[in-house]
Amino acid sequence: VMASLNSPIAEYFPPVDVEVGNELFWYIFKGEPVARDGYVELRDDVPGMGLEIDEAALSRFKVTG
């Protein structure tokens, strides 16, 4: 998002209490940026939004097909 001139805004979902059954995407990432004063500062040492998959958290979930 930060590298795109065609997208001057982005949605941001602040951390909240998560309802049971809808928690997968709230817990499988680590390194989420936090908004302060209406801005999100991204790190320079990781790509994109700076998210990494938390393998330990991911192992608690089961995907069925």
N, C-alpha and C. Protein backbone atom coordinates (compact mmCIF):
# COMPACT_ATOMS: atom_id res chain seq x y z
N VAL A 1 0.83 -1.20 0.00
CA VAL A 1 0.00 0.00 0.00
C VAL A 1 0.87 1.24 0.00
N MET A 2 1.91 1.26 0.78
CA MET A 2 2.73 2.46 0.90
C MET A 2 3.50 2.76 -0.39
N ALA A 3 3.67 1.75 -1.25
CA ALA A 3 4.41 1.96 -2.48
C ALA A 3 3.50 2.24 -3.67
N SER A 4 2.21 2.34 -3.44
CA SER A 4 1.26 2.51 -4.53
C SER A 4 0.69 3.92 -4.57
N LEU A 5 0.95 4.64 -5.64
CA LEU A 5 0.38 5.97 -5.80
C LEU A 5 -1.12 5.91 -6.08
N ASN A 6 -1.60 4.75 -6.54
CA ASN A 6 -3.01 4.59 -6.85
C ASN A 6 -3.86 4.27 -5.63
N SER A 7 -3.24 4.08 -4.50
CA SER A 7 -3.98 3.75 -3.28
C SER A 7 -3.50 4.63 -2.13
N PRO A 8 -4.00 5.87 -2.07
CA PRO A 8 -3.53 6.78 -1.04
C PRO A 8 -4.06 6.47 0.36
N ILE A 9 -5.04 5.57 0.47
CA ILE A 9 -5.57 5.19 1.77
C ILE A 9 -5.65 3.68 1.88
N ALA A 10 -5.74 3.19 3.09
CA ALA A 10 -5.88 1.75 3.33
C ALA A 10 -6.73 1.55 4.57
N GLU A 11 -7.39 0.40 4.63
CA GLU A 11 -8.16 0.08 5.83
C GLU A 11 -7.21 -0.40 6.92
N TYR A 12 -7.55 -0.07 8.14
CA TYR A 12 -6.77 -0.51 9.29
C TYR A 12 -7.74 -1.05 10.32
N PHE A 13 -7.47 -2.23 10.82
CA PHE A 13 -8.32 -2.84 11.82
C PHE A 13 -7.54 -2.93 13.13
N PRO A 14 -7.85 -2.07 14.09
CA PRO A 14 -7.11 -2.09 15.35
C PRO A 14 -7.39 -3.36 16.14
N PRO A 15 -6.47 -3.74 17.00
CA PRO A 15 -6.69 -4.94 17.83
C PRO A 15 -7.94 -4.77 18.69
N VAL A 16 -8.79 -5.78 18.69
CA VAL A 16 -10.02 -5.77 19.50
C VAL A 16 -10.21 -7.16 20.11
N ASP A 17 -11.14 -7.26 21.05
CA ASP A 17 -11.52 -8.57 21.56
C ASP A 17 -12.20 -9.32 20.42
N VAL A 18 -11.78 -10.54 20.19
CA VAL A 18 -12.25 -11.30 19.04
C VAL A 18 -13.31 -12.30 19.47
N GLU A 19 -14.36 -12.42 18.66
CA GLU A 19 -15.41 -13.38 18.97
C GLU A 19 -14.92 -14.80 18.67
N VAL A 20 -15.36 -15.73 19.45
CA VAL A 20 -14.98 -17.13 19.28
C VAL A 20 -15.49 -17.64 17.94
N GLY A 21 -14.62 -18.33 17.21
CA GLY A 21 -14.98 -18.87 15.91
C GLY A 21 -14.53 -17.97 14.76
N ASN A 22 -14.09 -16.76 15.08
CA ASN A 22 -13.65 -15.82 14.04
C ASN A 22 -12.27 -15.27 14.37
N GLU A 23 -11.47 -16.07 15.06
CA GLU A 23 -10.21 -15.54 15.57
C GLU A 23 -8.97 -15.90 14.75
N LEU A 24 -9.10 -16.71 13.72
CA LEU A 24 -7.93 -17.18 12.98
C LEU A 24 -7.01 -16.05 12.53
N PHE A 25 -7.53 -15.10 11.77
CA PHE A 25 -6.67 -14.06 11.21
C PHE A 25 -6.22 -13.03 12.23
N TRP A 26 -6.81 -13.04 13.41
CA TRP A 26 -6.37 -12.11 14.46
C TRP A 26 -5.14 -12.64 15.18
N TYR A 27 -4.90 -13.95 15.11
CA TYR A 27 -3.83 -14.54 15.90
C TYR A 27 -2.68 -15.13 15.10
N ILE A 28 -2.84 -15.35 13.80
CA ILE A 28 -1.77 -16.05 13.08
C ILE A 28 -0.65 -15.14 12.59
N PHE A 29 -0.80 -13.84 12.75
CA PHE A 29 0.25 -12.92 12.32
C PHE A 29 0.94 -12.30 13.51
N LYS A 30 2.23 -12.03 13.34
CA LYS A 30 2.95 -11.25 14.35
C LYS A 30 3.62 -10.08 13.64
N GLY A 31 3.84 -9.02 14.36
CA GLY A 31 4.48 -7.85 13.78
C GLY A 31 3.51 -6.84 13.20
N GLU A 32 2.22 -6.94 13.58
CA GLU A 32 1.25 -6.01 13.02
C GLU A 32 1.56 -4.58 13.46
N PRO A 33 1.52 -3.64 12.52
CA PRO A 33 1.76 -2.25 12.88
C PRO A 33 0.59 -1.70 13.71
N VAL A 34 0.87 -0.72 14.54
CA VAL A 34 -0.15 -0.11 15.38
C VAL A 34 -0.31 1.35 14.96
N ALA A 35 -1.55 1.79 14.81
CA ALA A 35 -1.81 3.17 14.41
C ALA A 35 -1.64 4.10 15.62
N ARG A 36 -1.00 5.23 15.37
CA ARG A 36 -0.83 6.27 16.39
C ARG A 36 -1.12 7.61 15.74
N ASP A 37 -2.05 8.35 16.32
CA ASP A 37 -2.42 9.68 15.81
C ASP A 37 -2.85 9.63 14.34
N GLY A 38 -3.50 8.55 13.95
CA GLY A 38 -4.02 8.44 12.59
C GLY A 38 -3.02 7.96 11.55
N TYR A 39 -1.83 7.56 11.98
CA TYR A 39 -0.80 7.10 11.05
C TYR A 39 -0.28 5.74 11.47
N VAL A 40 0.15 4.97 10.48
CA VAL A 40 0.80 3.69 10.73
C VAL A 40 2.21 3.79 10.19
N GLU A 41 3.19 3.61 11.07
CA GLU A 41 4.58 3.64 10.64
C GLU A 41 5.03 2.21 10.38
N LEU A 42 5.55 1.98 9.19
CA LEU A 42 6.01 0.65 8.81
C LEU A 42 7.50 0.53 9.02
N ARG A 43 7.94 -0.68 9.34
CA ARG A 43 9.36 -0.92 9.54
C ARG A 43 10.08 -0.98 8.20
N ASP A 44 11.33 -0.60 8.19
CA ASP A 44 12.13 -0.64 6.97
C ASP A 44 12.86 -1.97 6.78
N ASP A 45 12.93 -2.78 7.84
CA ASP A 45 13.73 -4.00 7.76
C ASP A 45 12.93 -5.25 7.39
N VAL A 46 11.63 -5.09 7.11
CA VAL A 46 10.79 -6.21 6.67
C VAL A 46 9.94 -5.75 5.49
N PRO A 47 9.58 -6.67 4.59
CA PRO A 47 8.81 -6.26 3.41
C PRO A 47 7.34 -5.98 3.72
N GLY A 48 6.71 -5.23 2.85
CA GLY A 48 5.26 -4.98 2.91
C GLY A 48 4.81 -4.34 4.21
N MET A 49 3.73 -4.87 4.75
CA MET A 49 3.18 -4.34 6.00
C MET A 49 3.94 -4.84 7.22
N GLY A 50 4.93 -5.69 7.02
CA GLY A 50 5.75 -6.17 8.13
C GLY A 50 5.17 -7.36 8.86
N LEU A 51 4.19 -8.02 8.26
CA LEU A 51 3.57 -9.17 8.91
C LEU A 51 4.36 -10.44 8.67
N GLU A 52 4.43 -11.26 9.69
CA GLU A 52 5.00 -12.60 9.57
C GLU A 52 3.98 -13.58 10.09
N ILE A 53 3.97 -14.79 9.56
CA ILE A 53 3.07 -15.82 10.09
C ILE A 53 3.66 -16.38 11.36
N ASP A 54 2.85 -16.41 12.40
CA ASP A 54 3.25 -16.97 13.69
C ASP A 54 2.95 -18.47 13.65
N GLU A 55 3.97 -19.26 13.37
CA GLU A 55 3.79 -20.70 13.20
C GLU A 55 3.23 -21.36 14.46
N ALA A 56 3.64 -20.89 15.63
CA ALA A 56 3.12 -21.47 16.88
C ALA A 56 1.63 -21.22 17.01
N ALA A 57 1.18 -20.02 16.68
CA ALA A 57 -0.25 -19.71 16.75
C ALA A 57 -1.01 -20.46 15.67
N LEU A 58 -0.43 -20.59 14.49
CA LEU A 58 -1.09 -21.28 13.38
C LEU A 58 -1.33 -22.76 13.70
N SER A 59 -0.43 -23.36 14.46
CA SER A 59 -0.57 -24.78 14.78
C SER A 59 -1.78 -25.06 15.66
N ARG A 60 -2.36 -24.04 16.29
CA ARG A 60 -3.55 -24.24 17.13
C ARG A 60 -4.84 -24.32 16.31
N PHE A 61 -4.76 -24.02 15.01
CA PHE A 61 -5.95 -24.01 14.17
C PHE A 61 -5.91 -25.16 13.17
N LYS A 62 -7.07 -25.66 12.82
CA LYS A 62 -7.17 -26.74 11.85
C LYS A 62 -8.08 -26.29 10.72
N VAL A 63 -7.59 -26.42 9.50
CA VAL A 63 -8.39 -26.06 8.33
C VAL A 63 -8.94 -27.35 7.73
N THR A 64 -10.25 -27.41 7.56
CA THR A 64 -10.87 -28.59 6.98
C THR A 64 -11.46 -28.25 5.64
N GLY A 65 -11.49 -29.20 4.75
CA GLY A 65 -11.97 -28.91 3.40
C GLY A 65 -13.24 -29.52 3.06
